[in-house]
Amino acid sequence: LRGLLRRSAYLTPADDETLAVGDLALDAASREVTRAGEPISFTSTEFELLRLLMRNQRKALDRTEILRHVWNYDFGGRSSIVDL
């Protein structure tokens, strides 16, 4: 149970966070993404996926984590939503 809570806290984004990786910046409060100061337009799903990846840049995320945190999809079966 402690492990689940710890992972959940690590993966659940705060609404007021600002993330930066190189010259890419994501402002969760305003839902804006910029690269080298230039705004980039994202759909809601793209924004949430980028946010998840930026928060976990040194961690390999499995399909279940991505589905749960980007699509709020908690399904025990297989889904091809995340397939590349």
N, C-alpha and C. Protein backbone atom coordinates (compact mmCIF):
# COMPACT_ATOMS: atom_id res chain seq x y z
N LEU A 1 0.82 -1.19 0.00
CA LEU A 1 0.00 0.00 0.00
C LEU A 1 0.87 1.26 0.00
N ARG A 2 1.93 1.27 0.82
CA ARG A 2 2.81 2.43 0.84
C ARG A 2 3.45 2.67 -0.51
N GLY A 3 3.81 1.59 -1.19
CA GLY A 3 4.41 1.72 -2.51
C GLY A 3 3.45 2.34 -3.52
N LEU A 4 2.20 1.93 -3.48
CA LEU A 4 1.19 2.52 -4.36
C LEU A 4 0.99 4.00 -4.09
N LEU A 5 0.92 4.36 -2.83
CA LEU A 5 0.76 5.77 -2.47
C LEU A 5 1.97 6.59 -2.90
N ARG A 6 3.15 6.04 -2.72
CA ARG A 6 4.37 6.75 -3.12
C ARG A 6 4.40 6.96 -4.62
N ARG A 7 4.08 5.91 -5.40
CA ARG A 7 4.06 6.03 -6.86
C ARG A 7 2.98 6.98 -7.31
N SER A 8 1.83 6.94 -6.67
CA SER A 8 0.73 7.83 -7.03
C SER A 8 1.11 9.28 -6.79
N ALA A 9 1.74 9.57 -5.68
CA ALA A 9 2.16 10.94 -5.38
C ALA A 9 3.21 11.39 -6.38
N TYR A 10 4.07 10.48 -6.81
CA TYR A 10 5.13 10.82 -7.76
C TYR A 10 4.55 11.10 -9.14
N LEU A 11 3.52 10.37 -9.53
CA LEU A 11 2.96 10.50 -10.87
C LEU A 11 1.83 11.52 -10.97
N THR A 12 1.20 11.85 -9.86
CA THR A 12 0.07 12.78 -9.90
C THR A 12 0.59 14.21 -9.93
N PRO A 13 0.30 14.93 -11.02
CA PRO A 13 0.84 16.28 -11.14
C PRO A 13 0.11 17.30 -10.27
N ALA A 14 0.87 18.28 -9.80
CA ALA A 14 0.27 19.42 -9.09
C ALA A 14 -0.23 20.41 -10.13
N ASP A 15 -1.34 21.09 -9.83
CA ASP A 15 -1.93 22.02 -10.80
C ASP A 15 -1.13 23.29 -10.99
N ASP A 16 -0.23 23.60 -10.06
CA ASP A 16 0.52 24.85 -10.16
C ASP A 16 2.00 24.64 -10.51
N GLU A 17 2.36 23.46 -10.95
CA GLU A 17 3.76 23.19 -11.23
C GLU A 17 4.22 23.77 -12.57
N THR A 18 5.50 24.06 -12.62
CA THR A 18 6.16 24.45 -13.86
C THR A 18 7.30 23.48 -14.07
N LEU A 19 7.35 22.87 -15.24
CA LEU A 19 8.38 21.89 -15.55
C LEU A 19 9.25 22.42 -16.68
N ALA A 20 10.51 22.06 -16.66
CA ALA A 20 11.41 22.46 -17.73
C ALA A 20 12.38 21.32 -18.03
N VAL A 21 12.57 21.06 -19.30
CA VAL A 21 13.55 20.11 -19.78
C VAL A 21 14.25 20.79 -20.95
N GLY A 22 15.51 21.14 -20.76
CA GLY A 22 16.21 21.90 -21.79
C GLY A 22 15.50 23.23 -22.01
N ASP A 23 15.19 23.53 -23.28
CA ASP A 23 14.49 24.79 -23.57
C ASP A 23 12.97 24.61 -23.67
N LEU A 24 12.48 23.44 -23.28
CA LEU A 24 11.05 23.15 -23.28
C LEU A 24 10.50 23.42 -21.88
N ALA A 25 9.46 24.23 -21.79
CA ALA A 25 8.85 24.57 -20.49
C ALA A 25 7.35 24.32 -20.54
N LEU A 26 6.83 23.77 -19.46
CA LEU A 26 5.40 23.48 -19.35
C LEU A 26 4.89 24.13 -18.07
N ASP A 27 3.87 24.96 -18.21
CA ASP A 27 3.23 25.62 -17.07
C ASP A 27 1.86 24.98 -16.88
N ALA A 28 1.72 24.21 -15.81
CA ALA A 28 0.47 23.46 -15.59
C ALA A 28 -0.71 24.39 -15.28
N ALA A 29 -0.46 25.48 -14.55
CA ALA A 29 -1.55 26.39 -14.17
C ALA A 29 -2.18 27.05 -15.39
N SER A 30 -1.34 27.50 -16.33
CA SER A 30 -1.87 28.17 -17.52
C SER A 30 -2.04 27.21 -18.69
N ARG A 31 -1.57 25.97 -18.52
CA ARG A 31 -1.62 24.94 -19.56
C ARG A 31 -0.90 25.41 -20.83
N GLU A 32 0.22 26.08 -20.64
CA GLU A 32 1.02 26.57 -21.76
C GLU A 32 2.33 25.81 -21.85
N VAL A 33 2.74 25.56 -23.08
CA VAL A 33 4.03 24.93 -23.35
C VAL A 33 4.81 25.86 -24.27
N THR A 34 6.09 26.07 -23.95
CA THR A 34 6.94 26.89 -24.80
C THR A 34 8.24 26.16 -25.06
N ARG A 35 8.82 26.45 -26.21
CA ARG A 35 10.15 25.94 -26.53
C ARG A 35 10.98 27.13 -26.97
N ALA A 36 12.06 27.37 -26.26
CA ALA A 36 12.91 28.55 -26.50
C ALA A 36 12.07 29.82 -26.46
N GLY A 37 11.07 29.84 -25.56
CA GLY A 37 10.23 31.02 -25.39
C GLY A 37 9.08 31.14 -26.36
N GLU A 38 9.02 30.27 -27.36
CA GLU A 38 7.94 30.30 -28.35
C GLU A 38 6.83 29.34 -27.95
N PRO A 39 5.57 29.79 -27.93
CA PRO A 39 4.46 28.92 -27.53
C PRO A 39 4.23 27.78 -28.54
N ILE A 40 3.86 26.64 -28.00
CA ILE A 40 3.53 25.46 -28.81
C ILE A 40 2.12 25.05 -28.44
N SER A 41 1.31 24.77 -29.44
CA SER A 41 -0.08 24.37 -29.21
C SER A 41 -0.18 22.85 -29.07
N PHE A 42 -0.88 22.40 -28.03
CA PHE A 42 -1.10 20.99 -27.78
C PHE A 42 -2.57 20.73 -27.51
N THR A 43 -3.06 19.57 -27.90
CA THR A 43 -4.38 19.14 -27.46
C THR A 43 -4.30 18.83 -25.98
N SER A 44 -5.41 18.64 -25.34
CA SER A 44 -5.44 18.31 -23.92
C SER A 44 -4.70 17.00 -23.65
N THR A 45 -4.93 16.01 -24.48
CA THR A 45 -4.28 14.71 -24.31
C THR A 45 -2.77 14.82 -24.52
N GLU A 46 -2.35 15.54 -25.55
CA GLU A 46 -0.93 15.74 -25.81
C GLU A 46 -0.27 16.46 -24.63
N PHE A 47 -0.96 17.47 -24.09
CA PHE A 47 -0.44 18.22 -22.95
C PHE A 47 -0.24 17.29 -21.76
N GLU A 48 -1.23 16.47 -21.45
CA GLU A 48 -1.13 15.56 -20.30
C GLU A 48 -0.04 14.51 -20.50
N LEU A 49 0.12 14.04 -21.73
CA LEU A 49 1.18 13.07 -22.02
C LEU A 49 2.55 13.72 -21.85
N LEU A 50 2.73 14.92 -22.39
CA LEU A 50 3.99 15.63 -22.23
C LEU A 50 4.27 15.90 -20.75
N ARG A 51 3.25 16.31 -20.04
CA ARG A 51 3.40 16.59 -18.60
C ARG A 51 3.86 15.34 -17.85
N LEU A 52 3.25 14.21 -18.14
CA LEU A 52 3.62 12.96 -17.50
C LEU A 52 5.07 12.59 -17.83
N LEU A 53 5.44 12.71 -19.10
CA LEU A 53 6.79 12.35 -19.52
C LEU A 53 7.83 13.31 -18.92
N MET A 54 7.51 14.59 -18.84
CA MET A 54 8.45 15.55 -18.26
C MET A 54 8.62 15.33 -16.76
N ARG A 55 7.57 14.94 -16.08
CA ARG A 55 7.67 14.67 -14.64
C ARG A 55 8.44 13.40 -14.35
N ASN A 56 8.49 12.52 -15.32
CA ASN A 56 9.12 11.20 -15.12
C ASN A 56 10.23 10.97 -16.12
N GLN A 57 11.00 11.99 -16.43
CA GLN A 57 11.97 11.90 -17.51
C GLN A 57 13.06 10.86 -17.28
N ARG A 58 13.31 10.45 -16.08
CA ARG A 58 14.33 9.44 -15.82
C ARG A 58 13.71 8.09 -15.44
N LYS A 59 12.45 7.93 -15.78
CA LYS A 59 11.73 6.70 -15.41
C LYS A 59 11.04 6.12 -16.64
N ALA A 60 11.16 4.82 -16.79
CA ALA A 60 10.42 4.14 -17.86
C ALA A 60 8.99 3.93 -17.38
N LEU A 61 8.03 4.42 -18.14
CA LEU A 61 6.62 4.27 -17.79
C LEU A 61 6.02 3.14 -18.61
N ASP A 62 5.26 2.29 -17.96
CA ASP A 62 4.62 1.22 -18.72
C ASP A 62 3.25 1.69 -19.22
N ARG A 63 2.68 0.90 -20.08
CA ARG A 63 1.39 1.20 -20.70
C ARG A 63 0.31 1.52 -19.67
N THR A 64 0.26 0.75 -18.60
CA THR A 64 -0.76 0.94 -17.57
C THR A 64 -0.65 2.31 -16.93
N GLU A 65 0.57 2.73 -16.60
CA GLU A 65 0.76 4.05 -15.99
C GLU A 65 0.33 5.17 -16.93
N ILE A 66 0.71 5.04 -18.20
CA ILE A 66 0.35 6.07 -19.19
C ILE A 66 -1.16 6.13 -19.36
N LEU A 67 -1.79 4.98 -19.53
CA LEU A 67 -3.25 4.95 -19.67
C LEU A 67 -3.95 5.57 -18.47
N ARG A 68 -3.48 5.23 -17.29
CA ARG A 68 -4.12 5.70 -16.06
C ARG A 68 -3.98 7.21 -15.90
N HIS A 69 -2.82 7.76 -16.20
CA HIS A 69 -2.57 9.17 -15.90
C HIS A 69 -2.88 10.12 -17.04
N VAL A 70 -2.92 9.63 -18.26
CA VAL A 70 -3.23 10.52 -19.38
C VAL A 70 -4.70 10.39 -19.78
N TRP A 71 -5.18 9.15 -19.85
CA TRP A 71 -6.55 8.92 -20.30
C TRP A 71 -7.50 8.58 -19.15
N ASN A 72 -7.00 8.58 -17.90
CA ASN A 72 -7.80 8.17 -16.74
C ASN A 72 -8.47 6.83 -17.01
N TYR A 73 -7.69 5.94 -17.55
CA TYR A 73 -8.17 4.65 -18.02
C TYR A 73 -7.61 3.58 -17.11
N ASP A 74 -8.43 2.95 -16.31
CA ASP A 74 -7.99 1.93 -15.38
C ASP A 74 -8.64 0.61 -15.78
N PHE A 75 -8.00 -0.09 -16.69
CA PHE A 75 -8.56 -1.29 -17.28
C PHE A 75 -7.55 -2.41 -17.16
N GLY A 76 -7.99 -3.57 -16.74
CA GLY A 76 -7.08 -4.70 -16.56
C GLY A 76 -6.73 -5.42 -17.84
N GLY A 77 -7.47 -5.20 -18.92
CA GLY A 77 -7.21 -5.88 -20.18
C GLY A 77 -6.20 -5.15 -21.04
N ARG A 78 -6.13 -5.53 -22.30
CA ARG A 78 -5.20 -4.89 -23.21
C ARG A 78 -5.88 -3.77 -23.97
N SER A 79 -5.13 -2.73 -24.23
CA SER A 79 -5.62 -1.61 -25.03
C SER A 79 -4.50 -1.16 -25.94
N SER A 80 -4.85 -0.74 -27.15
CA SER A 80 -3.83 -0.30 -28.11
C SER A 80 -3.75 1.22 -28.21
N ILE A 81 -4.36 1.95 -27.28
CA ILE A 81 -4.34 3.42 -27.31
C ILE A 81 -2.91 3.94 -27.32
N VAL A 82 -2.01 3.28 -26.59
CA VAL A 82 -0.66 3.78 -26.40
C VAL A 82 0.32 3.24 -27.45
N ASP A 83 -0.07 2.29 -28.25
CA ASP A 83 0.84 1.70 -29.24
C ASP A 83 1.38 2.73 -30.20
N LEU A 84 2.65 2.58 -30.53
CA LEU A 84 3.29 3.46 -31.51
C LEU A 84 3.36 2.78 -32.85
